[in-house]
Every structure is written in C-alpha cells, then in structure tokens.
Protein backbone atom coordinates (compact mmCIF):
# COMPACT_ATOMS: atom_id res chain seq x y z
CA MET A 1 -0.08 0.15 -0.15
CA PHE A 2 1.35 3.40 -1.01
CA ARG A 3 1.18 6.21 1.10
CA PRO A 4 0.55 9.67 -0.31
CA ILE A 5 3.33 12.55 -0.61
CA LEU A 6 3.61 14.09 2.71
CA ARG A 7 0.26 15.83 4.00
CA ILE A 8 -0.41 16.67 7.79
CA PRO A 9 -3.66 16.85 8.73
CA ARG A 10 -5.32 20.02 10.82
CA ALA A 11 -7.15 19.19 13.78
CA SER A 12 -10.69 20.23 13.69
CA VAL A 13 -12.01 22.46 16.81
CA PRO A 14 -16.00 22.11 17.98
CA LYS A 15 -18.45 24.90 17.73
CA GLY A 16 -18.92 27.15 20.09
CA VAL A 17 -14.73 27.53 20.58
CA PRO A 18 -13.52 31.09 20.20
CA SER A 19 -12.90 31.74 16.46
CA LEU A 20 -9.02 31.69 17.20
CA GLN A 21 -9.15 28.08 18.31
CA ARG A 22 -12.00 27.05 16.19
CA ARG A 23 -9.13 27.70 12.92
CA SER A 24 -7.77 24.12 11.53
CA LEU A 25 -4.46 24.12 12.92
CA HIS A 26 -1.50 21.48 12.60
CA HIS A 27 -1.88 18.12 14.51
CA VAL A 28 0.35 14.93 14.50
CA PRO A 29 -0.93 12.87 11.95
CA PRO A 30 -1.40 9.00 12.12
CA LEU A 31 0.98 6.41 11.74
CA SER A 32 -1.48 3.41 10.74
CA GLN A 33 1.35 1.22 10.06
CA PHE A 34 2.80 1.07 13.99
CA ASN A 35 1.49 1.27 17.56
CA ASN A 36 2.56 3.11 20.68
CA GLU A 37 3.09 -0.89 22.61
CA GLU A 38 5.78 -2.20 19.69
CA GLY A 39 7.34 0.77 18.49
CA VAL A 40 8.96 0.29 15.10
CA PRO A 41 10.14 -3.49 14.92
CA GLY A 42 13.64 -4.15 14.34
CA LEU A 43 14.55 -0.27 14.78
CA LEU A 44 13.02 1.40 17.79
CA SER A 45 11.44 0.15 20.83
CA ALA A 46 7.80 1.37 22.22
CA SER A 47 9.61 4.47 24.46
CA GLY A 48 11.94 5.03 21.48
CA PHE A 49 8.98 5.05 19.38
CA ASP A 50 7.10 7.59 21.75
CA ILE A 51 10.41 10.28 22.09
CA ALA A 52 10.92 10.50 18.32
CA TRP A 53 7.67 10.31 17.04
CA ASN A 54 4.95 11.23 20.00
CA GLN A 55 7.02 13.66 21.90
CA ARG A 56 8.72 14.84 19.10
CA MET A 57 5.87 15.83 16.44
CA THR A 58 3.84 17.22 19.63
CA MET A 59 6.15 19.82 21.16
CA LEU A 60 7.12 20.54 17.66
CA LEU A 61 3.62 21.14 15.95
CA GLU A 62 2.54 22.62 19.46
CA ARG A 63 4.91 25.40 18.91
CA LEU A 64 4.11 25.74 15.61
CA ASN A 65 0.46 26.16 15.93
CA ALA A 66 1.34 28.87 19.06
CA ARG A 67 3.05 31.02 16.16
CA VAL A 68 0.86 30.75 13.28
CA ALA A 69 -2.68 30.93 15.16
CA GLY A 70 -4.28 33.88 13.31
CA THR A 71 -1.52 34.21 10.50
CA GLU A 72 -2.20 33.60 7.15
CA TYR A 73 0.28 29.96 8.16
CA GLU A 74 -2.50 28.47 10.19
CA SER A 75 -4.46 26.94 7.08
CA LYS A 76 -1.36 26.16 4.99
CA GLU A 77 0.70 22.69 5.07
CA LEU A 78 3.75 22.17 6.06
CA LYS A 79 5.67 22.60 2.78
CA SER A 80 4.23 25.65 1.69
CA ILE A 81 4.98 26.95 5.46
CA ILE A 82 8.20 25.93 4.67
CA LEU A 83 8.83 27.63 1.29
CA SER A 84 6.86 30.87 2.29
CA THR A 85 9.17 31.35 5.54
CA ALA A 86 12.50 30.13 4.07
CA ARG A 87 13.42 34.00 2.86
CA GLY A 88 11.31 35.95 4.92
CA SER A 89 12.37 39.91 6.04
CA ASN A 90 10.68 39.02 8.90
CA PRO A 91 13.15 37.58 11.66
CA ASP A 92 10.13 35.44 13.55
CA ASP A 93 10.19 33.67 10.09
CA ALA A 94 13.37 31.64 10.93
CA LEU A 95 11.61 30.06 14.44
CA THR A 96 8.22 29.48 11.94
CA PHE A 97 10.24 27.65 9.73
CA ASN A 98 12.46 25.69 11.91
CA TYR A 99 9.25 24.15 13.62
CA ALA A 100 7.39 23.45 10.26
CA SER A 101 10.67 21.75 8.28
CA ALA A 102 11.72 19.83 11.41
CA ALA A 103 8.39 18.27 11.35
CA HIS A 104 8.03 18.18 8.10
CA ASN A 105 11.13 15.86 7.78
CA ASN A 106 10.37 13.90 10.92
CA HIS A 107 7.21 12.75 8.95
CA PHE A 108 9.19 12.20 5.77
CA PHE A 109 11.94 10.09 8.15
CA PHE A 110 8.86 8.09 9.33
CA LYS A 111 6.04 7.68 6.88
CA ASN A 112 8.50 5.47 4.63
CA LEU A 113 9.58 2.63 7.32
CA THR A 114 7.29 -0.53 7.74
CA PRO A 115 6.97 -3.10 10.48
CA ASN A 116 6.69 -5.48 7.25
CA PRO A 117 9.88 -5.19 4.81
CA GLN A 118 10.03 -6.63 1.60
CA PRO A 119 12.58 -6.56 -1.32
CA MET A 120 13.70 -3.63 -3.08
CA PRO A 121 11.96 -3.65 -6.45
CA GLU A 122 13.82 -4.50 -9.11
CA THR A 123 13.04 -1.47 -11.53
CA LEU A 124 14.30 1.15 -8.44
CA ARG A 125 17.63 -1.59 -7.49
CA HIS A 126 18.44 -0.99 -10.90
CA ALA A 127 17.85 2.68 -11.36
CA LEU A 128 20.06 3.44 -7.93
CA SER A 129 22.54 1.18 -9.13
CA GLU A 130 23.04 3.63 -11.81
CA SER A 131 23.49 6.63 -9.61
CA PHE A 132 25.46 4.74 -6.80
CA SER A 133 27.16 1.80 -8.83
CA SER A 134 24.79 -0.62 -6.68
CA VAL A 135 22.38 -0.47 -4.00
CA GLU A 136 24.87 -2.00 -1.72
CA THR A 137 26.76 1.37 -1.70
CA LEU A 138 24.39 3.36 -1.21
CA ARG A 139 23.37 1.43 1.93
CA GLU A 140 27.04 1.74 2.92
CA GLN A 141 27.39 5.97 1.99
CA PHE A 142 23.90 6.10 4.47
CA ILE A 143 26.04 4.74 7.23
CA ILE A 144 29.34 6.45 6.42
CA GLN A 145 27.32 9.58 6.21
CA ALA A 146 25.05 9.07 9.87
CA GLU A 147 28.26 7.89 11.37
CA ALA A 148 30.36 11.05 10.03
CA MET A 149 27.80 13.88 10.77
CA PHE A 150 28.88 16.17 13.82
CA GLY A 151 25.54 16.86 14.49
CA PRO A 152 22.06 16.42 14.03
CA GLY A 153 20.19 16.41 10.78
CA PHE A 154 18.80 14.21 8.02
CA ILE A 155 20.56 12.21 5.17
CA TRP A 156 18.18 12.46 2.23
CA LEU A 157 17.62 10.20 -1.00
CA VAL A 158 16.72 12.80 -3.62
CA LYS A 159 15.68 12.20 -7.29
CA VAL A 160 17.61 14.97 -9.19
CA ARG A 161 14.75 16.88 -11.96
CA GLY A 162 17.22 17.22 -14.85
CA ALA A 163 20.56 16.56 -15.19
CA ALA A 164 23.15 18.11 -12.72
CA VAL A 165 26.19 19.65 -14.00
CA GLY A 166 28.41 17.01 -15.62
CA ASP A 167 25.88 14.60 -15.39
CA SER A 168 24.79 12.40 -18.64
CA SER A 169 21.89 10.71 -17.53
CA PRO A 170 18.47 13.56 -17.52
CA ASN A 171 17.27 11.63 -13.80
CA SER A 172 19.41 10.31 -11.49
CA PHE A 173 19.51 9.89 -7.79
CA ARG A 174 21.85 11.43 -5.03
CA LEU A 175 22.22 11.76 -1.62
CA LEU A 176 22.01 15.24 0.49
CA ASN A 177 22.46 16.21 3.72
CA THR A 178 20.56 19.08 5.79
CA TYR A 179 21.81 19.85 9.43
CA LEU A 180 19.33 21.07 12.26
CA ALA A 181 15.42 21.69 10.36
CA GLY A 182 17.03 22.40 6.94
CA SER A 183 15.21 21.82 4.08
CA PRO A 184 15.91 19.87 1.01
CA TYR A 185 13.78 21.81 -1.30
CA ALA A 186 15.14 23.86 -4.36
CA GLY A 187 12.44 26.98 -2.75
CA ALA A 188 13.94 26.89 0.92
CA HIS A 189 17.62 26.77 -0.40
CA TRP A 190 18.15 30.14 1.95
CA ARG A 191 18.01 27.78 4.99
CA ARG A 192 18.76 24.65 3.44
CA GLN A 193 21.62 24.47 6.37
CA GLU A 194 23.69 21.91 4.34
CA VAL A 195 26.86 22.76 5.77
CA ASP A 196 27.87 21.31 9.38
CA ARG A 197 28.83 24.41 10.80
CA ASN A 198 31.11 22.46 13.53
CA THR A 199 33.78 21.22 11.17
CA LYS A 200 32.88 24.21 8.04
CA PRO A 201 32.38 27.12 10.37
CA GLY A 202 32.08 29.33 6.63
CA THR A 203 31.45 29.23 3.71
CA PRO A 204 32.62 32.30 0.89
CA GLU A 205 30.12 33.79 -0.42
CA SER A 206 31.86 33.72 -3.80
CA ALA A 207 31.34 29.97 -3.74
CA GLY A 208 27.30 30.31 -2.64
CA PRO A 209 24.37 28.11 -1.80
CA LEU A 210 24.43 26.13 -4.96
CA SER A 211 27.87 25.66 -6.16
CA GLY A 212 30.27 22.58 -6.45
CA ALA A 213 31.98 23.73 -3.43
CA ASN A 214 28.88 22.91 -1.74
CA TYR A 215 27.44 20.16 -4.02
CA PRO A 216 30.18 17.73 -4.85
CA PHE A 217 27.90 16.31 -7.81
CA LEU A 218 28.05 19.69 -9.52
CA ARG A 219 31.94 19.29 -9.98
CA PRO A 220 33.55 18.08 -13.15
CA GLY A 221 35.17 14.47 -12.93
CA GLY A 222 38.70 14.95 -11.57
CA LYS A 223 39.01 18.42 -11.36
CA GLY A 224 36.86 19.60 -8.86
CA GLU A 225 36.47 23.44 -9.68
CA PRO A 226 32.86 24.74 -9.15
CA VAL A 227 30.99 24.64 -12.28
CA GLN A 228 28.30 26.40 -11.62
CA LYS A 229 27.79 29.93 -10.02
CA ALA A 230 25.41 30.67 -7.52
CA SER A 231 21.87 30.76 -9.20
CA ALA A 232 18.35 32.47 -8.48
CA PRO A 233 16.20 31.34 -5.28
CA GLY A 234 15.15 27.95 -6.34
CA GLY A 235 18.64 26.44 -7.34
CA ILE A 236 18.57 22.64 -8.44
CA GLU A 237 14.97 20.84 -8.24
CA VAL A 238 15.33 17.70 -6.41
CA GLN A 239 12.37 15.51 -5.09
CA PRO A 240 13.25 13.95 -1.75
CA LEU A 241 12.34 10.43 -1.34
CA LEU A 242 13.82 8.82 1.56
CA CYS A 243 15.37 10.37 4.60
CA LEU A 244 17.34 9.06 7.68
CA ASN A 245 17.21 11.04 11.18
CA THR A 246 19.76 11.50 12.83
CA TRP A 247 18.88 13.62 15.88
CA GLU A 248 20.38 11.73 19.00
CA HIS A 249 16.24 11.89 20.81
CA VAL A 250 15.97 9.62 17.61
CA TRP A 251 18.66 6.84 18.01
CA LEU A 252 20.10 7.34 21.87
CA ARG A 253 17.43 5.85 23.96
CA ASP A 254 17.57 2.68 21.82
CA TYR A 255 21.59 2.18 20.94
CA GLY A 256 23.80 4.38 22.91
CA LEU A 257 26.64 6.24 22.43
CA GLY A 258 28.26 2.66 20.93
CA ALA A 259 32.33 2.21 21.14
CA GLY A 260 33.48 4.71 19.75
CA GLY A 261 31.24 7.34 20.82
CA GLU A 262 28.82 7.50 17.59
CA GLY A 263 29.17 3.76 17.30
CA GLY A 264 25.22 3.93 18.22
CA ARG A 265 24.50 6.14 15.18
CA ALA A 266 25.81 3.64 12.65
CA ALA A 267 23.83 0.22 14.29
CA PHE A 268 21.12 2.65 14.07
CA ALA A 269 21.35 3.42 10.56
CA ALA A 270 22.24 0.02 9.65
CA ASN A 271 18.52 -1.19 11.18
CA TRP A 272 16.92 1.51 9.34
CA TRP A 273 17.95 0.18 6.07
CA GLU A 274 15.85 -2.99 6.82
CA VAL A 275 12.54 -1.46 7.88
CA ILE A 276 12.20 1.26 4.58
CA ASP A 277 9.50 0.50 2.68
CA TRP A 278 10.84 0.08 -1.15
CA GLU A 279 7.42 -0.01 -2.35
CA ALA A 280 6.73 3.25 -1.28
CA VAL A 281 10.14 4.57 -2.34
CA ALA A 282 9.68 3.44 -5.78
CA HIS A 283 6.32 5.09 -6.10
CA GLU A 284 7.51 8.34 -5.28
CA ALA A 285 10.42 7.81 -7.69
CA ALA A 286 8.04 6.81 -10.16
CA VAL A 287 10.62 4.16 -11.40
CA THR A 288 8.48 2.19 -14.34
CA ARG A 289 11.01 -0.19 -16.04
CA PRO A 290 14.66 -0.74 -15.53
CA GLY A 291 16.99 1.99 -16.81
CA TYR A 292 13.56 4.46 -17.14
CA LEU A 293 12.44 7.04 -15.19
CA SER A 294 9.47 9.11 -15.52
C-alpha cells in the first residue's frame, strides 16, 4: 500500500469555541503502520518510538501552532509554510520555518518505514545502481554519512529533476545532507543548512549555496572546481524520496553512544535500512522499468 506525499492533517475544533481556536491547525498525523505498544519493529522500541514520534511531533506542532494562530500560515500545509518562510524578511520567520521544517522532515523519515519490509523492487534497484554503482554502495554511504555527521540532521535520497552539471543522465539519484531543520527543497535553499558548522564554520560568498564547493555532484570529474555559480532562489530541483533522521533523540534511547562515541548511530542507520518501505520509495520515484524514470 502506497502512502501519499506528505500531508499533515489539521485538527478540528468543536463549535462554540472562540474563533481563533476554531481555525484549523496542524496536529500529529497518524502512523497507521505502527502502534505505541510495539514501536517500530527492528528499529525503535516502544519508548524510543514515543520519544522520536509522539513527543517530538507534539512539541514541534504545538509550538508551530502557537506561532501561526491567526496568521496566513495556520491553514497552510507544512511544505507551503517552509517555502514561504525560507527567505522571509521578518526574523520571526526563521523560528516558524524551523518548527515547520523539523516536523515535515521527521514525518518524512517515519512515513517510509514499515513493520513488514519487502525486498526492493528490481526496477528501483536497477535505477539506484546506475547512480551509486550498486544498492550496497548506497547503503554503505548512508551509514558512513550518518556516522560522520557531527551534529543532528537528515540524510536524503533525492531524485534530481533534470541533469546536474557533469551528469550525463537526465534523471539521477543523489544523497543530500541537511543539518538541524534544514530543508532539501530548492525553494527553501536559503535555509537549506547543508553545511555542518561544527566542521565548516563558513562558506565563501563567492562559492554560494549552489556551487560545486557545497555540492560535489556539481563538479566535473577529476577537476574539483565549481562549475555552477550561485543561482537565483530555486536552485537545483530535487524530489526527496527517503530520509534518515540522525537527531540524537531518535536513536540514543535504544542504541546508546556505542563504541567510539558514535557507534550507536551507525547501528541505528544499519537497522533503519532493513525497515524501509521500498515499494513506497519506488512509487514516489516513479520508477517504471529498468533504466527508465518518468
């Protein structure tokens, strides 16, 4: 069963409640495939699931609702709020963006998990292998990048809309890191947060948010120089298909720090790979037959 692209439902309030409270506001969406007693089998215990999903989403959406009540954003979906506040002139937009984007990203992480994992469809396996040499390489890259992230964030599998510079394929897949509540959407690239400020304190303005300095897949093979200047808002269009949540509250309860300080996160990432709903990912990627993407 395929689940639709992210839509966070709104809570309805009974008649007789003051007008401000009667407006539709965001609330935690149901995850019909999981329950509070079992958590996410093979990945998160019941208590780990409660922290990562129930408590986290409740906190984010309650704070978002408090900020958007009575504004134009209270009736908008999260993605619309993200895009609208990504480059707002009002400083308050940054916090609104963070709550909306963090909730969106967390839901994206959970919605493509399943308690009944099935083998990856061959059409998707073939398509991913064209971009990563093999599915096993993709898995390894997810785990390596998760362990290497010095700070919380998300690792995204994205489908590039149109060929990236230096890419001969008109449709391809890439991995993209966002830190904190950063968004992968091109329209929100002003708050993409693709750089880990713990290890890279600054990015030269000449490089720009969409240069090869920040996006290795924009560099020509063997040279390494940026080949695309910073562009206008919008940047490179990508379609997020799957994400791994590396925030500590998601994995620390069940996995601990592990050997070497971050071993717990690597074990979490390895188990996450085993509970992905690959049918849903293939559906969103619109993989129809080997070698062809719509």
